[in-house]
Amino acid sequence: MSTDDTPTRMPYADQPDDEAPARRFYRMRAPHVERTSTPVTVRVTDGADLYVAVGPGRRRMYLTPEEAWALWRCLSEAVTSTGTPPDWIRVHVKPTPR
């Protein structure tokens, strides 16, 4: 906490550079106890819908930015209700061009 008792927050995303590609991918792997981990990818393309993929390309979905914000809010509340976040989730996810 800062000296004025205001909680500080880790940034969730890097601000795009002026020279950043029009397409950015945010990736993470969700661990699994009995199987291999599950890839999770979000593709952001300037001026287009967001693309979300869970698993090796099997479950895909396109979302408008408004739908993505609504999904983020609902998921945030739902997942928070399941308990304390695991340690592996406490990472900063940086965008990649591919």
PDB file of N, CA and C in Angstrom:
ATOM      1  N   MET A   1       0.836  -1.178   0.000  1.00  0.00           N
ATOM      2  CA  MET A   1       0.000   0.000   0.000  1.00  0.00           C
ATOM      3  C   MET A   1       0.876   1.235   0.000  1.00  0.00           C
ATOM      4  N   SER A   2       0.362   2.274  -0.579  1.00  0.00           N
ATOM      5  CA  SER A   2       1.112   3.516  -0.586  1.00  0.00           C
ATOM      6  C   SER A   2       0.913   4.234   0.747  1.00  0.00           C
ATOM      7  N   THR A   3       1.614   5.340   0.905  1.00  0.00           N
ATOM      8  CA  THR A   3       1.562   6.050   2.184  1.00  0.00           C
ATOM      9  C   THR A   3       0.198   6.659   2.466  1.00  0.00           C
ATOM     10  N   ASP A   4      -0.613   6.905   1.446  1.00  0.00           N
ATOM     11  CA  ASP A   4      -1.938   7.478   1.696  1.00  0.00           C
ATOM     12  C   ASP A   4      -3.014   6.390   1.840  1.00  0.00           C
ATOM     13  N   ASP A   5      -2.607   5.146   2.053  1.00  0.00           N
ATOM     14  CA  ASP A   5      -3.493   3.989   2.235  1.00  0.00           C
ATOM     15  C   ASP A   5      -4.354   3.677   1.019  1.00  0.00           C
ATOM     16  N   THR A   6      -3.985   4.173  -0.144  1.00  0.00           N
ATOM     17  CA  THR A   6      -4.677   3.822  -1.378  1.00  0.00           C
ATOM     18  C   THR A   6      -3.999   2.590  -1.960  1.00  0.00           C
ATOM     19  N   PRO A   7      -4.754   1.517  -2.213  1.00  0.00           N
ATOM     20  CA  PRO A   7      -4.127   0.314  -2.765  1.00  0.00           C
ATOM     21  C   PRO A   7      -3.513   0.602  -4.133  1.00  0.00           C
ATOM     22  N   THR A   8      -2.351   0.034  -4.382  1.00  0.00           N
ATOM     23  CA  THR A   8      -1.735   0.165  -5.694  1.00  0.00           C
ATOM     24  C   THR A   8      -2.077  -1.066  -6.505  1.00  0.00           C
ATOM     25  N   ARG A   9      -2.221  -0.896  -7.799  1.00  0.00           N
ATOM     26  CA  ARG A   9      -2.592  -1.999  -8.663  1.00  0.00           C
ATOM     27  C   ARG A   9      -1.521  -2.219  -9.715  1.00  0.00           C
ATOM     28  N   MET A  10      -1.257  -3.474 -10.006  1.00  0.00           N
ATOM     29  CA  MET A  10      -0.359  -3.819 -11.092  1.00  0.00           C
ATOM     30  C   MET A  10      -1.091  -3.555 -12.405  1.00  0.00           C
ATOM     31  N   PRO A  11      -0.427  -2.966 -13.388  1.00  0.00           N
ATOM     32  CA  PRO A  11      -1.128  -2.732 -14.658  1.00  0.00           C
ATOM     33  C   PRO A  11      -1.499  -4.064 -15.300  1.00  0.00           C
ATOM     34  N   TYR A  12      -2.671  -4.126 -15.895  1.00  0.00           N
ATOM     35  CA  TYR A  12      -3.125  -5.356 -16.523  1.00  0.00           C
ATOM     36  C   TYR A  12      -2.602  -5.517 -17.932  1.00  0.00           C
ATOM     37  N   ALA A  13      -2.265  -4.427 -18.589  1.00  0.00           N
ATOM     38  CA  ALA A  13      -1.775  -4.526 -19.959  1.00  0.00           C
ATOM     39  C   ALA A  13      -0.791  -3.409 -20.231  1.00  0.00           C
ATOM     40  N   ASP A  14       0.149  -3.711 -21.085  1.00  0.00           N
ATOM     41  CA  ASP A  14       1.072  -2.677 -21.527  1.00  0.00           C
ATOM     42  C   ASP A  14       0.351  -1.803 -22.539  1.00  0.00           C
ATOM     43  N   GLN A  15       0.606  -0.515 -22.478  1.00  0.00           N
ATOM     44  CA  GLN A  15       0.035   0.383 -23.473  1.00  0.00           C
ATOM     45  C   GLN A  15       0.717   0.110 -24.810  1.00  0.00           C
ATOM     46  N   PRO A  16      -0.044   0.027 -25.904  1.00  0.00           N
ATOM     47  CA  PRO A  16       0.575  -0.243 -27.199  1.00  0.00           C
ATOM     48  C   PRO A  16       1.526   0.890 -27.598  1.00  0.00           C
ATOM     49  N   ASP A  17       2.660   0.532 -28.167  1.00  0.00           N
ATOM     50  CA  ASP A  17       3.598   1.520 -28.700  1.00  0.00           C
ATOM     51  C   ASP A  17       3.033   2.085 -29.990  1.00  0.00           C
ATOM     52  N   ASP A  18       3.535   3.263 -30.377  1.00  0.00           N
ATOM     53  CA  ASP A  18       3.126   3.822 -31.664  1.00  0.00           C
ATOM     54  C   ASP A  18       3.566   2.907 -32.797  1.00  0.00           C
ATOM     55  N   GLU A  19       4.658   2.180 -32.580  1.00  0.00           N
ATOM     56  CA  GLU A  19       5.186   1.288 -33.603  1.00  0.00           C
ATOM     57  C   GLU A  19       4.706  -0.145 -33.417  1.00  0.00           C
ATOM     58  N   ALA A  20       3.828  -0.381 -32.469  1.00  0.00           N
ATOM     59  CA  ALA A  20       3.348  -1.737 -32.202  1.00  0.00           C
ATOM     60  C   ALA A  20       2.549  -2.256 -33.389  1.00  0.00           C
ATOM     61  N   PRO A  21       2.627  -3.563 -33.636  1.00  0.00           N
ATOM     62  CA  PRO A  21       1.852  -4.123 -34.743  1.00  0.00           C
ATOM     63  C   PRO A  21       0.359  -3.965 -34.483  1.00  0.00           C
ATOM     64  N   ALA A  22      -0.416  -3.977 -35.545  1.00  0.00           N
ATOM     65  CA  ALA A  22      -1.871  -3.826 -35.426  1.00  0.00           C
ATOM     66  C   ALA A  22      -2.490  -5.018 -34.714  1.00  0.00           C
ATOM     67  N   ARG A  23      -1.765  -6.122 -34.644  1.00  0.00           N
ATOM     68  CA  ARG A  23      -2.244  -7.340 -33.990  1.00  0.00           C
ATOM     69  C   ARG A  23      -1.382  -7.653 -32.781  1.00  0.00           C
ATOM     70  N   ARG A  24      -2.042  -7.925 -31.653  1.00  0.00           N
ATOM     71  CA  ARG A  24      -1.314  -8.289 -30.431  1.00  0.00           C
ATOM     72  C   ARG A  24      -1.950  -9.544 -29.843  1.00  0.00           C
ATOM     73  N   PHE A  25      -1.116 -10.438 -29.352  1.00  0.00           N
ATOM     74  CA  PHE A  25      -1.582 -11.678 -28.742  1.00  0.00           C
ATOM     75  C   PHE A  25      -1.193 -11.671 -27.270  1.00  0.00           C
ATOM     76  N   TYR A  26      -2.136 -12.039 -26.417  1.00  0.00           N
ATOM     77  CA  TYR A  26      -1.900 -12.192 -24.990  1.00  0.00           C
ATOM     78  C   TYR A  26      -2.109 -13.668 -24.685  1.00  0.00           C
ATOM     79  N   ARG A  27      -1.062 -14.326 -24.177  1.00  0.00           N
ATOM     80  CA  ARG A  27      -1.126 -15.778 -23.968  1.00  0.00           C
ATOM     81  C   ARG A  27      -0.748 -16.166 -22.548  1.00  0.00           C
ATOM     82  N   MET A  28      -1.360 -17.259 -22.123  1.00  0.00           N
ATOM     83  CA  MET A  28      -1.074 -17.828 -20.809  1.00  0.00           C
ATOM     84  C   MET A  28      -1.478 -19.295 -20.864  1.00  0.00           C
ATOM     85  N   ARG A  29      -0.881 -20.102 -20.013  1.00  0.00           N
ATOM     86  CA  ARG A  29      -1.260 -21.509 -19.930  1.00  0.00           C
ATOM     87  C   ARG A  29      -1.852 -21.778 -18.551  1.00  0.00           C
ATOM     88  N   ALA A  30      -2.998 -22.430 -18.538  1.00  0.00           N
ATOM     89  CA  ALA A  30      -3.653 -22.804 -17.281  1.00  0.00           C
ATOM     90  C   ALA A  30      -3.183 -24.206 -16.912  1.00  0.00           C
ATOM     91  N   PRO A  31      -2.556 -24.368 -15.749  1.00  0.00           N
ATOM     92  CA  PRO A  31      -2.058 -25.698 -15.373  1.00  0.00           C
ATOM     93  C   PRO A  31      -3.195 -26.683 -15.107  1.00  0.00           C
ATOM     94  N   HIS A  32      -2.877 -27.942 -15.277  1.00  0.00           N
ATOM     95  CA  HIS A  32      -3.836 -29.008 -15.006  1.00  0.00           C
ATOM     96  C   HIS A  32      -3.094 -30.125 -14.293  1.00  0.00           C
ATOM     97  N   VAL A  33      -3.719 -30.722 -13.305  1.00  0.00           N
ATOM     98  CA  VAL A  33      -3.057 -31.737 -12.484  1.00  0.00           C
ATOM     99  C   VAL A  33      -2.881 -33.054 -13.238  1.00  0.00           C
ATOM    100  N   GLU A  34      -3.893 -33.497 -13.962  1.00  0.00           N
ATOM    101  CA  GLU A  34      -3.866 -34.821 -14.588  1.00  0.00           C
ATOM    102  C   GLU A  34      -3.472 -34.810 -16.059  1.00  0.00           C
ATOM    103  N   ARG A  35      -3.524 -33.658 -16.705  1.00  0.00           N
ATOM    104  CA  ARG A  35      -3.210 -33.571 -18.136  1.00  0.00           C
ATOM    105  C   ARG A  35      -2.200 -32.458 -18.356  1.00  0.00           C
ATOM    106  N   THR A  36      -1.930 -32.208 -19.602  1.00  0.00           N
ATOM    107  CA  THR A  36      -1.063 -31.087 -19.960  1.00  0.00           C
ATOM    108  C   THR A  36      -1.793 -29.776 -19.711  1.00  0.00           C
ATOM    109  N   SER A  37      -1.091 -28.688 -19.655  1.00  0.00           N
ATOM    110  CA  SER A  37      -1.726 -27.391 -19.409  1.00  0.00           C
ATOM    111  C   SER A  37      -2.580 -26.971 -20.602  1.00  0.00           C
ATOM    112  N   THR A  38      -3.471 -26.019 -20.371  1.00  0.00           N
ATOM    113  CA  THR A  38      -4.388 -25.540 -21.403  1.00  0.00           C
ATOM    114  C   THR A  38      -3.982 -24.138 -21.846  1.00  0.00           C
ATOM    115  N   PRO A  39      -3.728 -23.952 -23.151  1.00  0.00           N
ATOM    116  CA  PRO A  39      -3.392 -22.609 -23.620  1.00  0.00           C
ATOM    117  C   PRO A  39      -4.627 -21.709 -23.675  1.00  0.00           C
ATOM    118  N   VAL A  40      -4.439 -20.465 -23.299  1.00  0.00           N
ATOM    119  CA  VAL A  40      -5.487 -19.448 -23.402  1.00  0.00           C
ATOM    120  C   VAL A  40      -4.871 -18.277 -24.164  1.00  0.00           C
ATOM    121  N   THR A  41      -5.516 -17.848 -25.249  1.00  0.00           N
ATOM    122  CA  THR A  41      -4.997 -16.774 -26.089  1.00  0.00           C
ATOM    123  C   THR A  41      -6.086 -15.761 -26.380  1.00  0.00           C
ATOM    124  N   VAL A  42      -5.727 -14.493 -26.303  1.00  0.00           N
ATOM    125  CA  VAL A  42      -6.619 -13.413 -26.724  1.00  0.00           C
ATOM    126  C   VAL A  42      -5.871 -12.617 -27.783  1.00  0.00           C
ATOM    127  N   ARG A  43      -6.493 -12.460 -28.942  1.00  0.00           N
ATOM    128  CA  ARG A  43      -5.895 -11.677 -30.023  1.00  0.00           C
ATOM    129  C   ARG A  43      -6.621 -10.347 -30.114  1.00  0.00           C
ATOM    130  N   VAL A  44      -5.853  -9.267 -30.128  1.00  0.00           N
ATOM    131  CA  VAL A  44      -6.408  -7.930 -30.273  1.00  0.00           C
ATOM    132  C   VAL A  44      -5.907  -7.375 -31.607  1.00  0.00           C
ATOM    133  N   THR A  45      -6.829  -7.037 -32.475  1.00  0.00           N
ATOM    134  CA  THR A  45      -6.494  -6.432 -33.761  1.00  0.00           C
ATOM    135  C   THR A  45      -7.153  -5.071 -33.801  1.00  0.00           C
ATOM    136  N   ASP A  46      -6.363  -4.031 -34.043  1.00  0.00           N
ATOM    137  CA  ASP A  46      -6.915  -2.674 -34.071  1.00  0.00           C
ATOM    138  C   ASP A  46      -8.093  -2.592 -35.035  1.00  0.00           C
ATOM    139  N   GLY A  47      -9.207  -2.077 -34.552  1.00  0.00           N
ATOM    140  CA  GLY A  47     -10.389  -1.885 -35.381  1.00  0.00           C
ATOM    141  C   GLY A  47     -11.203  -3.140 -35.630  1.00  0.00           C
ATOM    142  N   ALA A  48     -10.911  -4.249 -34.927  1.00  0.00           N
ATOM    143  CA  ALA A  48     -11.644  -5.497 -35.142  1.00  0.00           C
ATOM    144  C   ALA A  48     -12.064  -6.088 -33.804  1.00  0.00           C
ATOM    145  N   ASP A  49     -12.906  -7.122 -33.865  1.00  0.00           N
ATOM    146  CA  ASP A  49     -13.325  -7.818 -32.651  1.00  0.00           C
ATOM    147  C   ASP A  49     -12.134  -8.527 -32.020  1.00  0.00           C
ATOM    148  N   LEU A  50     -12.228  -8.769 -30.722  1.00  0.00           N
ATOM    149  CA  LEU A  50     -11.219  -9.559 -30.025  1.00  0.00           C
ATOM    150  C   LEU A  50     -11.493 -11.030 -30.310  1.00  0.00           C
ATOM    151  N   TYR A  51     -10.441 -11.809 -30.324  1.00  0.00           N
ATOM    152  CA  TYR A  51     -10.539 -13.237 -30.581  1.00  0.00           C
ATOM    153  C   TYR A  51     -10.033 -13.963 -29.352  1.00  0.00           C
ATOM    154  N   VAL A  52     -10.842 -14.854 -28.785  1.00  0.00           N
ATOM    155  CA  VAL A  52     -10.470 -15.599 -27.596  1.00  0.00           C
ATOM    156  C   VAL A  52     -10.420 -17.081 -27.970  1.00  0.00           C
ATOM    157  N   ALA A  53      -9.315 -17.751 -27.620  1.00  0.00           N
ATOM    158  CA  ALA A  53      -9.185 -19.189 -27.861  1.00  0.00           C
ATOM    159  C   ALA A  53      -8.770 -19.861 -26.562  1.00  0.00           C
ATOM    160  N   VAL A  54      -9.483 -20.922 -26.202  1.00  0.00           N
ATOM    161  CA  VAL A  54      -9.157 -21.711 -25.016  1.00  0.00           C
ATOM    162  C   VAL A  54      -8.914 -23.133 -25.489  1.00  0.00           C
ATOM    163  N   GLY A  55      -7.748 -23.671 -25.162  1.00  0.00           N
ATOM    164  CA  GLY A  55      -7.377 -24.998 -25.629  1.00  0.00           C
ATOM    165  C   GLY A  55      -6.654 -24.883 -26.960  1.00  0.00           C
ATOM    166  N   PRO A  56      -6.280 -26.009 -27.528  1.00  0.00           N
ATOM    167  CA  PRO A  56      -5.512 -25.987 -28.782  1.00  0.00           C
ATOM    168  C   PRO A  56      -6.395 -25.692 -29.997  1.00  0.00           C
ATOM    169  N   GLY A  57      -7.009 -24.527 -30.021  1.00  0.00           N
ATOM    170  CA  GLY A  57      -7.806 -24.096 -31.161  1.00  0.00           C
ATOM    171  C   GLY A  57      -9.200 -24.660 -31.236  1.00  0.00           C
ATOM    172  N   ARG A  58      -9.635 -25.378 -30.219  1.00  0.00           N
ATOM    173  CA  ARG A  58     -10.961 -26.009 -30.288  1.00  0.00           C
ATOM    174  C   ARG A  58     -12.087 -25.081 -29.884  1.00  0.00           C
ATOM    175  N   ARG A  59     -11.866 -24.280 -28.858  1.00  0.00           N
ATOM    176  CA  ARG A  59     -12.922 -23.401 -28.363  1.00  0.00           C
ATOM    177  C   ARG A  59     -12.521 -21.963 -28.673  1.00  0.00           C
ATOM    178  N   ARG A  60     -13.194 -21.368 -29.662  1.00  0.00           N
ATOM    179  CA  ARG A  60     -12.860 -20.008 -30.085  1.00  0.00           C
ATOM    180  C   ARG A  60     -14.099 -19.135 -30.069  1.00  0.00           C
ATOM    181  N   MET A  61     -13.860 -17.845 -29.871  1.00  0.00           N
ATOM    182  CA  MET A  61     -14.977 -16.911 -29.812  1.00  0.00           C
ATOM    183  C   MET A  61     -14.496 -15.518 -30.199  1.00  0.00           C
ATOM    184  N   TYR A  62     -15.301 -14.825 -30.987  1.00  0.00           N
ATOM    185  CA  TYR A  62     -15.036 -13.435 -31.312  1.00  0.00           C
ATOM    186  C   TYR A  62     -15.925 -12.569 -30.436  1.00  0.00           C
ATOM    187  N   LEU A  63     -15.368 -11.490 -29.889  1.00  0.00           N
ATOM    188  CA  LEU A  63     -16.102 -10.592 -29.013  1.00  0.00           C
ATOM    189  C   LEU A  63     -15.859  -9.152 -29.420  1.00  0.00           C
ATOM    190  N   THR A  64     -16.911  -8.340 -29.388  1.00  0.00           N
ATOM    191  CA  THR A  64     -16.705  -6.903 -29.549  1.00  0.00           C
ATOM    192  C   THR A  64     -16.024  -6.409 -28.274  1.00  0.00           C
ATOM    193  N   PRO A  65     -15.385  -5.253 -28.302  1.00  0.00           N
ATOM    194  CA  PRO A  65     -14.803  -4.742 -27.064  1.00  0.00           C
ATOM    195  C   PRO A  65     -15.830  -4.628 -25.937  1.00  0.00           C
ATOM    196  N   GLU A  66     -17.055  -4.230 -26.253  1.00  0.00           N
ATOM    197  CA  GLU A  66     -18.092  -4.121 -25.225  1.00  0.00           C
ATOM    198  C   GLU A  66     -18.428  -5.487 -24.628  1.00  0.00           C
ATOM    199  N   GLU A  67     -18.537  -6.505 -25.489  1.00  0.00           N
ATOM    200  CA  GLU A  67     -18.808  -7.858 -24.999  1.00  0.00           C
ATOM    201  C   GLU A  67     -17.637  -8.373 -24.150  1.00  0.00           C
ATOM    202  N   ALA A  68     -16.416  -8.054 -24.577  1.00  0.00           N
ATOM    203  CA  ALA A  68     -15.234  -8.484 -23.821  1.00  0.00           C
ATOM    204  C   ALA A  68     -15.222  -7.848 -22.430  1.00  0.00           C
ATOM    205  N   TRP A  69     -15.578  -6.549 -22.340  1.00  0.00           N
ATOM    206  CA  TRP A  69     -15.646  -5.897 -21.025  1.00  0.00           C
ATOM    207  C   TRP A  69     -16.710  -6.545 -20.153  1.00  0.00           C
ATOM    208  N   ALA A  70     -17.875  -6.864 -20.724  1.00  0.00           N
ATOM    209  CA  ALA A  70     -18.940  -7.511 -19.957  1.00  0.00           C
ATOM    210  C   ALA A  70     -18.497  -8.904 -19.501  1.00  0.00           C
ATOM    211  N   LEU A  71     -17.838  -9.646 -20.387  1.00  0.00           N
ATOM    212  CA  LEU A  71     -17.333 -10.966 -20.018  1.00  0.00           C
ATOM    213  C   LEU A  71     -16.292 -10.849 -18.912  1.00  0.00           C
ATOM    214  N   TRP A  72     -15.374  -9.879 -19.035  1.00  0.00           N
ATOM    215  CA  TRP A  72     -14.352  -9.652 -18.011  1.00  0.00           C
ATOM    216  C   TRP A  72     -15.001  -9.414 -16.644  1.00  0.00           C
ATOM    217  N   ARG A  73     -16.009  -8.581 -16.617  1.00  0.00           N
ATOM    218  CA  ARG A  73     -16.670  -8.247 -15.349  1.00  0.00           C
ATOM    219  C   ARG A  73     -17.356  -9.466 -14.747  1.00  0.00           C
ATOM    220  N   CYS A  74     -18.099 -10.196 -15.572  1.00  0.00           N
ATOM    221  CA  CYS A  74     -18.797 -11.392 -15.073  1.00  0.00           C
ATOM    222  C   CYS A  74     -17.806 -12.459 -14.624  1.00  0.00           C
ATOM    223  N   LEU A  75     -16.768 -12.706 -15.418  1.00  0.00           N
ATOM    224  CA  LEU A  75     -15.761 -13.692 -15.029  1.00  0.00           C
ATOM    225  C   LEU A  75     -15.049 -13.280 -13.753  1.00  0.00           C
ATOM    226  N   SER A  76     -14.723 -12.019 -13.641  1.00  0.00           N
ATOM    227  CA  SER A  76     -14.034 -11.513 -12.457  1.00  0.00           C
ATOM    228  C   SER A  76     -14.844 -11.802 -11.195  1.00  0.00           C
ATOM    229  N   GLU A  77     -16.116 -11.460 -11.229  1.00  0.00           N
ATOM    230  CA  GLU A  77     -16.976 -11.696 -10.069  1.00  0.00           C
ATOM    231  C   GLU A  77     -17.142 -13.185  -9.801  1.00  0.00           C
ATOM    232  N   ALA A  78     -17.370 -13.963 -10.845  1.00  0.00           N
ATOM    233  CA  ALA A  78     -17.600 -15.400 -10.683  1.00  0.00           C
ATOM    234  C   ALA A  78     -16.358 -16.101 -10.134  1.00  0.00           C
ATOM    235  N   VAL A  79     -15.201 -15.812 -10.712  1.00  0.00           N
ATOM    236  CA  VAL A  79     -13.971 -16.475 -10.277  1.00  0.00           C
ATOM    237  C   VAL A  79     -13.589 -16.032  -8.871  1.00  0.00           C
ATOM    238  N   THR A  80     -13.800 -14.766  -8.546  1.00  0.00           N
ATOM    239  CA  THR A  80     -13.508 -14.276  -7.199  1.00  0.00           C
ATOM    240  C   THR A  80     -14.330 -15.035  -6.157  1.00  0.00           C
ATOM    241  N   SER A  81     -15.536 -15.434  -6.514  1.00  0.00           N
ATOM    242  CA  SER A  81     -16.390 -16.145  -5.562  1.00  0.00           C
ATOM    243  C   SER A  81     -15.899 -17.564  -5.277  1.00  0.00           C
ATOM    244  N   THR A  82     -14.938 -18.073  -6.067  1.00  0.00           N
ATOM    245  CA  THR A  82     -14.455 -19.443  -5.859  1.00  0.00           C
ATOM    246  C   THR A  82     -13.331 -19.530  -4.834  1.00  0.00           C
ATOM    247  N   GLY A  83     -12.784 -18.385  -4.405  1.00  0.00           N
ATOM    248  CA  GLY A  83     -11.734 -18.421  -3.387  1.00  0.00           C
ATOM    249  C   GLY A  83     -10.520 -17.594  -3.774  1.00  0.00           C
ATOM    250  N   THR A  84      -9.444 -17.807  -3.062  1.00  0.00           N
ATOM    251  CA  THR A  84      -8.205 -17.066  -3.251  1.00  0.00           C
ATOM    252  C   THR A  84      -7.556 -17.437  -4.577  1.00  0.00           C
ATOM    253  N   PRO A  85      -7.071 -16.449  -5.323  1.00  0.00           N
ATOM    254  CA  PRO A  85      -6.403 -16.753  -6.603  1.00  0.00           C
ATOM    255  C   PRO A  85      -5.136 -17.585  -6.381  1.00  0.00           C
ATOM    256  N   PRO A  86      -4.843 -18.519  -7.289  1.00  0.00           N
ATOM    257  CA  PRO A  86      -3.622 -19.314  -7.162  1.00  0.00           C
ATOM    258  C   PRO A  86      -2.384 -18.465  -7.461  1.00  0.00           C
ATOM    259  N   ASP A  87      -1.248 -18.875  -6.955  1.00  0.00           N
ATOM    260  CA  ASP A  87      -0.009 -18.117  -7.165  1.00  0.00           C
ATOM    261  C   ASP A  87       0.378 -18.006  -8.634  1.00  0.00           C
ATOM    262  N   TRP A  88       0.098 -19.041  -9.439  1.00  0.00           N
ATOM    263  CA  TRP A  88       0.534 -19.022 -10.827  1.00  0.00           C
ATOM    264  C   TRP A  88      -0.160 -17.923 -11.644  1.00  0.00           C
ATOM    265  N   ILE A  89      -1.279 -17.395 -11.166  1.00  0.00           N
ATOM    266  CA  ILE A  89      -2.014 -16.374 -11.910  1.00  0.00           C
ATOM    267  C   ILE A  89      -1.427 -14.981 -11.702  1.00  0.00           C
ATOM    268  N   ARG A  90      -0.587 -14.819 -10.725  1.00  0.00           N
ATOM    269  CA  ARG A  90      -0.041 -13.506 -10.376  1.00  0.00           C
ATOM    270  C   ARG A  90       1.168 -13.155 -11.246  1.00  0.00           C
ATOM    271  N   VAL A  91       0.935 -13.079 -12.543  1.00  0.00           N
ATOM    272  CA  VAL A  91       1.990 -12.716 -13.485  1.00  0.00           C
ATOM    273  C   VAL A  91       1.507 -11.578 -14.370  1.00  0.00           C
ATOM    274  N   HIS A  92       2.444 -10.881 -14.947  1.00  0.00           N
ATOM    275  CA  HIS A  92       2.120  -9.823 -15.904  1.00  0.00           C
ATOM    276  C   HIS A  92       2.170 -10.449 -17.299  1.00  0.00           C
ATOM    277  N   VAL A  93       1.123 -10.322 -18.077  1.00  0.00           N
ATOM    278  CA  VAL A  93       1.054 -10.900 -19.405  1.00  0.00           C
ATOM    279  C   VAL A  93       1.369  -9.796 -20.414  1.00  0.00           C
ATOM    280  N   LYS A  94       2.479  -9.955 -21.118  1.00  0.00           N
ATOM    281  CA  LYS A  94       2.883  -8.959 -22.121  1.00  0.00           C
ATOM    282  C   LYS A  94       2.420  -9.382 -23.499  1.00  0.00           C
ATOM    283  N   PRO A  95       2.024  -8.421 -24.318  1.00  0.00           N
ATOM    284  CA  PRO A  95       1.586  -8.765 -25.680  1.00  0.00           C
ATOM    285  C   PRO A  95       2.763  -9.177 -26.562  1.00  0.00           C
ATOM    286  N   THR A  96       2.472 -10.056 -27.517  1.00  0.00           N
ATOM    287  CA  THR A  96       3.458 -10.463 -28.509  1.00  0.00           C
ATOM    288  C   THR A  96       2.869 -10.216 -29.894  1.00  0.00           C
ATOM    289  N   PRO A  97       3.710 -10.012 -30.897  1.00  0.00           N
ATOM    290  CA  PRO A  97       3.185  -9.747 -32.240  1.00  0.00           C
ATOM    291  C   PRO A  97       2.642 -10.988 -32.931  1.00  0.00           C
ATOM    292  N   ARG A  98       3.032 -12.183 -32.483  1.00  0.00           N
ATOM    293  CA  ARG A  98       2.564 -13.447 -33.076  1.00  0.00           C
ATOM    294  C   ARG A  98       2.269 -14.451 -32.028  1.00  0.00           C
TER     295      ARG A  98
END
